[in-house]
Amino acid sequence: NGSSSSLDLESVVQPLALNPWDVVLCISGTIISCENAIVVVVICYTPAFRAPMFLLIGSLATADLLAGLGLILHFAFVYFIPSEAVSLLTVGLLVTSFTASVSSLLTITIDRYLSLYNALTYYSERTVTRTYIMLILTWGASICYGLLPIMGWNCLKEPSTCSIVKPLTKNHLIILSVSFFMVFAVMLQLYVQICKIVCRHAHQIAVQRHFLASSHYVTTRKGIATLAVILGTFASCWLPFAIYCLLGDYSYPALYTYVTLLPATYNSMINPVIYAFRNQEIQKVLWTVCCGCFSSAMPFRSRSPSDV
């Protein structure tokens, strides 16, 4: 319950008192699952969405969908079907899905950067191949991280090795946190480069079309503001939990873990809004479905990932 020393993803045999924080996480998981299920269904059942950028958005939505389901399953199994084996499976699912979510955000950032840096060669077979390689690496690494607790790297037999999130060990959580900071550093660097390219392109267009300096300033500021919102949202959601994973100890109150973990789950709730529902092609399909006249062969205007 809320007075325990750390967030306990390890199921206990005796009945547990209902923890309000677990209820909130379960509700968050439900919202996350519904949002991302819509994105996954739209991308899977629309043949026009086979471009690399939509595959990456689909990967992100799939990871977030699994994260939402993992939060729901964790709540159900802890309170209704307590079992150590099932507990390890659910924590493995959560580690895999959240790792895949963060990694998918990195692949989307890489794709955006390359679409601007190599604009002339972006729409080629090399891009498709590169996308599949990034997806394989993303999910391969995520699954490996998620399998560690199931393969024996857990603190069920040695409670002193537990982290702030049972039954994960302190070393496991440190590896996950360091990996997150590496991903965040790469994303930050790529977005700085994207801002430079956007500013340069906007200036060139302004010069060629004899736009006013104020027009160029407004266009550039809007693009940079969008990138700042994307990166700022990601950082504000995940940084508190990642930092606490490094500094926290299993003897600390569980409240600290819940307070930092909850915003991290909100990132999976916000991702569909930023990366999917803002996309005009996905909006068209959603409006068509709502109108009851869905057509899988709808024509779409191809857009670059930097527009997504």
Foldseek 3Di string as FASTA:
>chain_A
DQFALFAELAADDDADDDDVLLVVLLVLLVLLLVLLVLLLVLLVLFVVNPDLLSVLLNQLSVLSNLLSVLSNQSSCCRHPPHDRLVSLVSQLSNQLSLQLNLLSVLVLLVQLLCCLVVVVPCPDVVVVVVSVVSNCVSNVVSNVLSCCVVVPQFCPPPVQQPFSYPRHGLVSLLVVLVVSVVSLVSSVVSLVVVLVSQLVVLVVVCVVVVNDPVVSVVSSVVLNVLSCVVSVLQCVQQVQQSVCSNVPGSRHRNVSNSVNNVSVSVVSSCSCVSSPCVDPVNVVQVVCVVVVNHDSPDDDDDDRSSVD
